[in-house]
Amino acid sequence: MRELCGAFVVVALVACGGSRETPTEGRGSAACRIWQDSVCDWADRCEALTREACDEQFQGVTCRSDDAAKECSRQFDGASCQVVPPRCGLDAIADPAPAAKACAALTSSVCERSVTCGYSETEEDCLKRESVDCSRSIAFKLDYETCLDEIDTVKCDVFVIPEICASVIIARQQMPPQP
């Protein structure tokens, strides 16, 4: 019965022009948040990811284009579970620039705190030592701002990066070299 109801919802969304309420959670424009919601509805329906895991990752995406996000939302709403709709995957829709900027700001914040606590002489020294590759960043989770706030309160006697910061930047997977 659940599958039948799920199919009805998809048909109803497509028949009504793909209109859906704009989610309040998520980064980016209203069209981007609707795309995030459509992707995660599809992933949950197709059992590709749990809804919670999908939301945690995709709500951190900032979209390149509202028009592309809108079109892809409609495609995901009616898509089969076999493949991601063409030109609607993460790399096609996500604008990596805000995530790369967030990654650089996070690394800088950690290094600023390291200098304040006396673990690094200069921020530049710390940045060289950390050598974080922000160019692979594609999204940053909604916990990002909380992470930044917590870095500012790290105790200097036990300089440990807050646990919430461990995975706030989502990076593209690095593909192994082809033989």
C-alpha atoms as a PDB file:
ATOM      1  CA  MET A   1       0.000   0.000   0.000  1.00  0.00           C
ATOM      2  CA  ARG A   2       2.874   2.386   0.812  1.00  0.00           C
ATOM      3  CA  GLU A   3       4.306   1.934  -2.692  1.00  0.00           C
ATOM      4  CA  LEU A   4       0.921   2.591  -4.245  1.00  0.00           C
ATOM      5  CA  CYS A   5       0.489   5.778  -2.212  1.00  0.00           C
ATOM      6  CA  GLY A   6       4.022   6.864  -3.147  1.00  0.00           C
ATOM      7  CA  ALA A   7       3.233   6.318  -6.822  1.00  0.00           C
ATOM      8  CA  PHE A   8       0.048   8.366  -6.464  1.00  0.00           C
ATOM      9  CA  VAL A   9       1.945  11.279  -4.895  1.00  0.00           C
ATOM     10  CA  VAL A  10       4.477  11.250  -7.755  1.00  0.00           C
ATOM     11  CA  VAL A  11       1.701  11.167 -10.349  1.00  0.00           C
ATOM     12  CA  ALA A  12      -0.159  13.951  -8.551  1.00  0.00           C
ATOM     13  CA  LEU A  13       2.955  16.128  -8.409  1.00  0.00           C
ATOM     14  CA  VAL A  14       3.695  15.610 -12.088  1.00  0.00           C
ATOM     15  CA  ALA A  15       0.066  16.157 -13.085  1.00  0.00           C
ATOM     16  CA  CYS A  16      -0.007  19.410 -11.128  1.00  0.00           C
ATOM     17  CA  GLY A  17       3.130  20.715 -12.816  1.00  0.00           C
ATOM     18  CA  GLY A  18       5.505  19.554 -10.097  1.00  0.00           C
ATOM     19  CA  SER A  19       4.359  22.231  -7.671  1.00  0.00           C
ATOM     20  CA  ARG A  20       5.375  21.541  -4.128  1.00  0.00           C
ATOM     21  CA  GLU A  21       5.777  23.593  -1.028  1.00  0.00           C
ATOM     22  CA  THR A  22       9.175  25.217  -0.588  1.00  0.00           C
ATOM     23  CA  PRO A  23      11.096  23.554   2.255  1.00  0.00           C
ATOM     24  CA  THR A  24      12.334  25.877   4.981  1.00  0.00           C
ATOM     25  CA  GLU A  25      15.532  23.877   5.604  1.00  0.00           C
ATOM     26  CA  GLY A  26      18.361  24.068   3.122  1.00  0.00           C
ATOM     27  CA  ARG A  27      20.836  26.391   1.485  1.00  0.00           C
ATOM     28  CA  GLY A  28      20.233  28.376  -1.651  1.00  0.00           C
ATOM     29  CA  SER A  29      17.126  29.732  -3.297  1.00  0.00           C
ATOM     30  CA  ALA A  30      13.585  28.399  -3.030  1.00  0.00           C
ATOM     31  CA  ALA A  31      14.055  26.555  -6.351  1.00  0.00           C
ATOM     32  CA  CYS A  32      17.247  24.987  -5.004  1.00  0.00           C
ATOM     33  CA  ARG A  33      15.549  23.829  -1.790  1.00  0.00           C
ATOM     34  CA  ILE A  34      12.740  22.286  -3.861  1.00  0.00           C
ATOM     35  CA  TRP A  35      15.385  20.438  -5.934  1.00  0.00           C
ATOM     36  CA  GLN A  36      17.005  19.215  -2.688  1.00  0.00           C
ATOM     37  CA  ASP A  37      13.614  17.965  -1.496  1.00  0.00           C
ATOM     38  CA  SER A  38      12.870  16.257  -4.839  1.00  0.00           C
ATOM     39  CA  VAL A  39      16.263  14.516  -4.858  1.00  0.00           C
ATOM     40  CA  CYS A  40      15.755  13.240  -1.322  1.00  0.00           C
ATOM     41  CA  ASP A  41      12.170  12.122  -2.013  1.00  0.00           C
ATOM     42  CA  TRP A  42      13.546  10.168  -4.991  1.00  0.00           C
ATOM     43  CA  ALA A  43      16.491   8.733  -2.990  1.00  0.00           C
ATOM     44  CA  ASP A  44      14.174   7.677  -0.172  1.00  0.00           C
ATOM     45  CA  ARG A  45      11.589   6.179  -2.536  1.00  0.00           C
ATOM     46  CA  CYS A  46      14.293   4.312  -4.438  1.00  0.00           C
ATOM     47  CA  GLU A  47      16.084   3.272  -1.241  1.00  0.00           C
ATOM     48  CA  ALA A  48      19.324   4.849  -2.469  1.00  0.00           C
ATOM     49  CA  LEU A  49      19.794   6.777   0.810  1.00  0.00           C
ATOM     50  CA  THR A  50      17.757   7.207   3.947  1.00  0.00           C
ATOM     51  CA  ARG A  51      15.816  10.452   3.974  1.00  0.00           C
ATOM     52  CA  GLU A  52      17.848  11.707   6.934  1.00  0.00           C
ATOM     53  CA  ALA A  53      21.216  10.980   5.286  1.00  0.00           C
ATOM     54  CA  CYS A  54      20.082  12.543   2.018  1.00  0.00           C
ATOM     55  CA  ASP A  55      18.769  15.702   3.698  1.00  0.00           C
ATOM     56  CA  GLU A  56      21.996  16.040   5.688  1.00  0.00           C
ATOM     57  CA  GLN A  57      24.031  16.048   2.480  1.00  0.00           C
ATOM     58  CA  PHE A  58      21.801  17.703  -0.107  1.00  0.00           C
ATOM     59  CA  GLN A  59      20.401  20.521   2.046  1.00  0.00           C
ATOM     60  CA  GLY A  60      23.943  21.913   2.065  1.00  0.00           C
ATOM     61  CA  VAL A  61      23.985  22.387  -1.716  1.00  0.00           C
ATOM     62  CA  THR A  62      23.768  25.811  -3.322  1.00  0.00           C
ATOM     63  CA  CYS A  63      22.442  25.509  -6.885  1.00  0.00           C
ATOM     64  CA  ARG A  64      24.042  27.068  -9.980  1.00  0.00           C
ATOM     65  CA  SER A  65      20.743  27.872 -11.688  1.00  0.00           C
ATOM     66  CA  ASP A  66      17.159  28.180 -10.520  1.00  0.00           C
ATOM     67  CA  ASP A  67      15.892  27.190 -13.960  1.00  0.00           C
ATOM     68  CA  ALA A  68      17.954  23.975 -13.960  1.00  0.00           C
ATOM     69  CA  ALA A  69      16.920  23.228 -10.372  1.00  0.00           C
ATOM     70  CA  LYS A  70      13.224  23.657 -11.263  1.00  0.00           C
ATOM     71  CA  GLU A  71      13.499  21.437 -14.333  1.00  0.00           C
ATOM     72  CA  CYS A  72      15.374  18.751 -12.430  1.00  0.00           C
ATOM     73  CA  SER A  73      12.855  18.843  -9.571  1.00  0.00           C
ATOM     74  CA  ARG A  74      10.143  17.945 -12.061  1.00  0.00           C
ATOM     75  CA  GLN A  75      12.324  15.199 -13.520  1.00  0.00           C
ATOM     76  CA  PHE A  76      13.123  13.680 -10.110  1.00  0.00           C
ATOM     77  CA  ASP A  77       9.444  13.739  -9.132  1.00  0.00           C
ATOM     78  CA  GLY A  78       8.629  11.441 -12.060  1.00  0.00           C
ATOM     79  CA  ALA A  79      11.905   9.508 -12.348  1.00  0.00           C
ATOM     80  CA  SER A  80      12.260   5.758 -12.150  1.00  0.00           C
ATOM     81  CA  CYS A  81      14.776   4.356  -9.713  1.00  0.00           C
ATOM     82  CA  GLN A  82      17.127   3.110 -12.420  1.00  0.00           C
ATOM     83  CA  VAL A  83      19.173   6.263 -13.044  1.00  0.00           C
ATOM     84  CA  VAL A  84      19.459   9.893 -12.000  1.00  0.00           C
ATOM     85  CA  PRO A  85      17.674  12.077 -14.555  1.00  0.00           C
ATOM     86  CA  PRO A  86      20.072  13.438 -17.204  1.00  0.00           C
ATOM     87  CA  ARG A  87      21.870  16.682 -16.299  1.00  0.00           C
ATOM     88  CA  CYS A  88      20.289  16.602 -12.813  1.00  0.00           C
ATOM     89  CA  GLY A  89      23.017  15.048 -10.698  1.00  0.00           C
ATOM     90  CA  LEU A  90      24.950  16.808  -7.990  1.00  0.00           C
ATOM     91  CA  ASP A  91      27.828  17.967 -10.201  1.00  0.00           C
ATOM     92  CA  ALA A  92      25.426  19.383 -12.782  1.00  0.00           C
ATOM     93  CA  ILE A  93      23.278  21.343 -10.314  1.00  0.00           C
ATOM     94  CA  ALA A  94      25.549  22.269  -7.403  1.00  0.00           C
ATOM     95  CA  ASP A  95      27.576  25.469  -7.430  1.00  0.00           C
ATOM     96  CA  PRO A  96      30.816  24.462  -5.686  1.00  0.00           C
ATOM     97  CA  ALA A  97      32.025  28.052  -5.121  1.00  0.00           C
ATOM     98  CA  PRO A  98      30.082  28.703  -1.868  1.00  0.00           C
ATOM     99  CA  ALA A  99      31.232  25.339  -0.449  1.00  0.00           C
ATOM    100  CA  ALA A 100      34.867  26.030  -1.367  1.00  0.00           C
ATOM    101  CA  LYS A 101      34.601  29.456   0.267  1.00  0.00           C
ATOM    102  CA  ALA A 102      33.066  27.882   3.401  1.00  0.00           C
ATOM    103  CA  CYS A 103      35.851  25.289   3.482  1.00  0.00           C
ATOM    104  CA  ALA A 104      38.521  27.987   3.273  1.00  0.00           C
ATOM    105  CA  ALA A 105      36.797  30.026   5.997  1.00  0.00           C
ATOM    106  CA  LEU A 106      36.578  26.966   8.251  1.00  0.00           C
ATOM    107  CA  THR A 107      40.265  26.171   7.779  1.00  0.00           C
ATOM    108  CA  SER A 108      41.155  29.811   8.426  1.00  0.00           C
ATOM    109  CA  SER A 109      39.028  29.848  11.576  1.00  0.00           C
ATOM    110  CA  VAL A 110      40.778  26.744  12.910  1.00  0.00           C
ATOM    111  CA  CYS A 111      44.149  28.316  12.167  1.00  0.00           C
ATOM    112  CA  GLU A 112      43.190  31.628  13.792  1.00  0.00           C
ATOM    113  CA  ARG A 113      42.241  29.728  16.942  1.00  0.00           C
ATOM    114  CA  SER A 114      45.487  27.745  16.726  1.00  0.00           C
ATOM    115  CA  VAL A 115      47.460  31.005  16.696  1.00  0.00           C
ATOM    116  CA  THR A 116      45.402  32.442  19.561  1.00  0.00           C
ATOM    117  CA  CYS A 117      46.096  29.302  21.608  1.00  0.00           C
ATOM    118  CA  GLY A 118      49.807  29.325  20.781  1.00  0.00           C
ATOM    119  CA  TYR A 119      49.874  26.116  18.735  1.00  0.00           C
ATOM    120  CA  SER A 120      50.915  27.948  15.567  1.00  0.00           C
ATOM    121  CA  GLU A 121      53.161  30.980  15.122  1.00  0.00           C
ATOM    122  CA  THR A 122      51.154  32.432  12.240  1.00  0.00           C
ATOM    123  CA  GLU A 123      47.980  31.625  10.415  1.00  0.00           C
ATOM    124  CA  GLU A 124      50.003  31.102   7.220  1.00  0.00           C
ATOM    125  CA  ASP A 125      52.155  28.439   8.954  1.00  0.00           C
ATOM    126  CA  CYS A 126      49.041  26.670  10.149  1.00  0.00           C
ATOM    127  CA  LEU A 127      47.409  26.817   6.708  1.00  0.00           C
ATOM    128  CA  LYS A 128      50.506  25.268   5.119  1.00  0.00           C
ATOM    129  CA  ARG A 129      50.535  22.523   7.735  1.00  0.00           C
ATOM    130  CA  GLU A 130      46.819  21.797   7.391  1.00  0.00           C
ATOM    131  CA  SER A 131      46.912  21.698   3.548  1.00  0.00           C
ATOM    132  CA  VAL A 132      43.164  21.227   3.119  1.00  0.00           C
ATOM    133  CA  ASP A 133      42.012  20.806  -0.493  1.00  0.00           C
ATOM    134  CA  CYS A 134      38.895  22.966  -0.643  1.00  0.00           C
ATOM    135  CA  SER A 135      38.663  22.643  -4.432  1.00  0.00           C
ATOM    136  CA  ARG A 136      36.767  19.347  -4.065  1.00  0.00           C
ATOM    137  CA  SER A 137      34.073  20.929  -1.844  1.00  0.00           C
ATOM    138  CA  ILE A 138      30.560  20.664  -3.248  1.00  0.00           C
ATOM    139  CA  ALA A 139      28.298  21.530  -0.270  1.00  0.00           C
ATOM    140  CA  PHE A 140      28.393  22.510   3.387  1.00  0.00           C
ATOM    141  CA  LYS A 141      25.970  21.126   5.930  1.00  0.00           C
ATOM    142  CA  LEU A 142      23.494  23.198   7.877  1.00  0.00           C
ATOM    143  CA  ASP A 143      25.617  22.641  11.035  1.00  0.00           C
ATOM    144  CA  TYR A 144      28.432  24.706   9.490  1.00  0.00           C
ATOM    145  CA  GLU A 145      27.630  27.948  11.314  1.00  0.00           C
ATOM    146  CA  THR A 146      27.376  26.099  14.641  1.00  0.00           C
ATOM    147  CA  CYS A 147      30.777  24.560  13.933  1.00  0.00           C
ATOM    148  CA  LEU A 148      32.315  28.014  13.381  1.00  0.00           C
ATOM    149  CA  ASP A 149      30.809  29.257  16.652  1.00  0.00           C
ATOM    150  CA  GLU A 150      32.216  26.246  18.514  1.00  0.00           C
ATOM    151  CA  ILE A 151      35.714  26.717  17.072  1.00  0.00           C
ATOM    152  CA  ASP A 152      35.790  30.184  18.642  1.00  0.00           C
ATOM    153  CA  THR A 153      35.232  28.574  22.053  1.00  0.00           C
ATOM    154  CA  VAL A 154      37.769  25.720  21.794  1.00  0.00           C
ATOM    155  CA  LYS A 155      39.726  25.561  25.036  1.00  0.00           C
ATOM    156  CA  CYS A 156      43.406  26.230  24.460  1.00  0.00           C
ATOM    157  CA  ASP A 157      44.635  23.707  27.039  1.00  0.00           C
ATOM    158  CA  VAL A 158      43.034  20.845  25.066  1.00  0.00           C
ATOM    159  CA  PHE A 159      42.991  22.118  21.495  1.00  0.00           C
ATOM    160  CA  VAL A 160      40.510  19.708  19.918  1.00  0.00           C
ATOM    161  CA  ILE A 161      38.375  20.577  16.924  1.00  0.00           C
ATOM    162  CA  PRO A 162      34.685  20.200  17.846  1.00  0.00           C
ATOM    163  CA  GLU A 163      33.106  16.935  16.695  1.00  0.00           C
ATOM    164  CA  ILE A 164      30.364  18.801  14.840  1.00  0.00           C
ATOM    165  CA  CYS A 165      33.079  20.156  12.502  1.00  0.00           C
ATOM    166  CA  ALA A 166      34.350  16.749  11.412  1.00  0.00           C
ATOM    167  CA  SER A 167      32.049  16.443   8.416  1.00  0.00           C
ATOM    168  CA  VAL A 168      30.445  19.830   7.770  1.00  0.00           C
ATOM    169  CA  ILE A 169      32.145  20.198   4.389  1.00  0.00           C
ATOM    170  CA  ILE A 170      30.970  17.727   1.768  1.00  0.00           C
ATOM    171  CA  ALA A 171      33.566  17.009  -0.889  1.00  0.00           C
ATOM    172  CA  ARG A 172      33.386  15.174  -4.186  1.00  0.00           C
ATOM    173  CA  GLN A 173      34.842  11.714  -3.994  1.00  0.00           C
ATOM    174  CA  GLN A 174      38.293  11.504  -5.460  1.00  0.00           C
ATOM    175  CA  MET A 175      38.254   8.921  -8.217  1.00  0.00           C
ATOM    176  CA  PRO A 176      41.137   6.436  -8.310  1.00  0.00           C
ATOM    177  CA  PRO A 177      43.436   6.776 -11.320  1.00  0.00           C
ATOM    178  CA  GLN A 178      42.353   4.741 -14.354  1.00  0.00           C
ATOM    179  CA  PRO A 179      44.808   2.073 -15.550  1.00  0.00           C
END
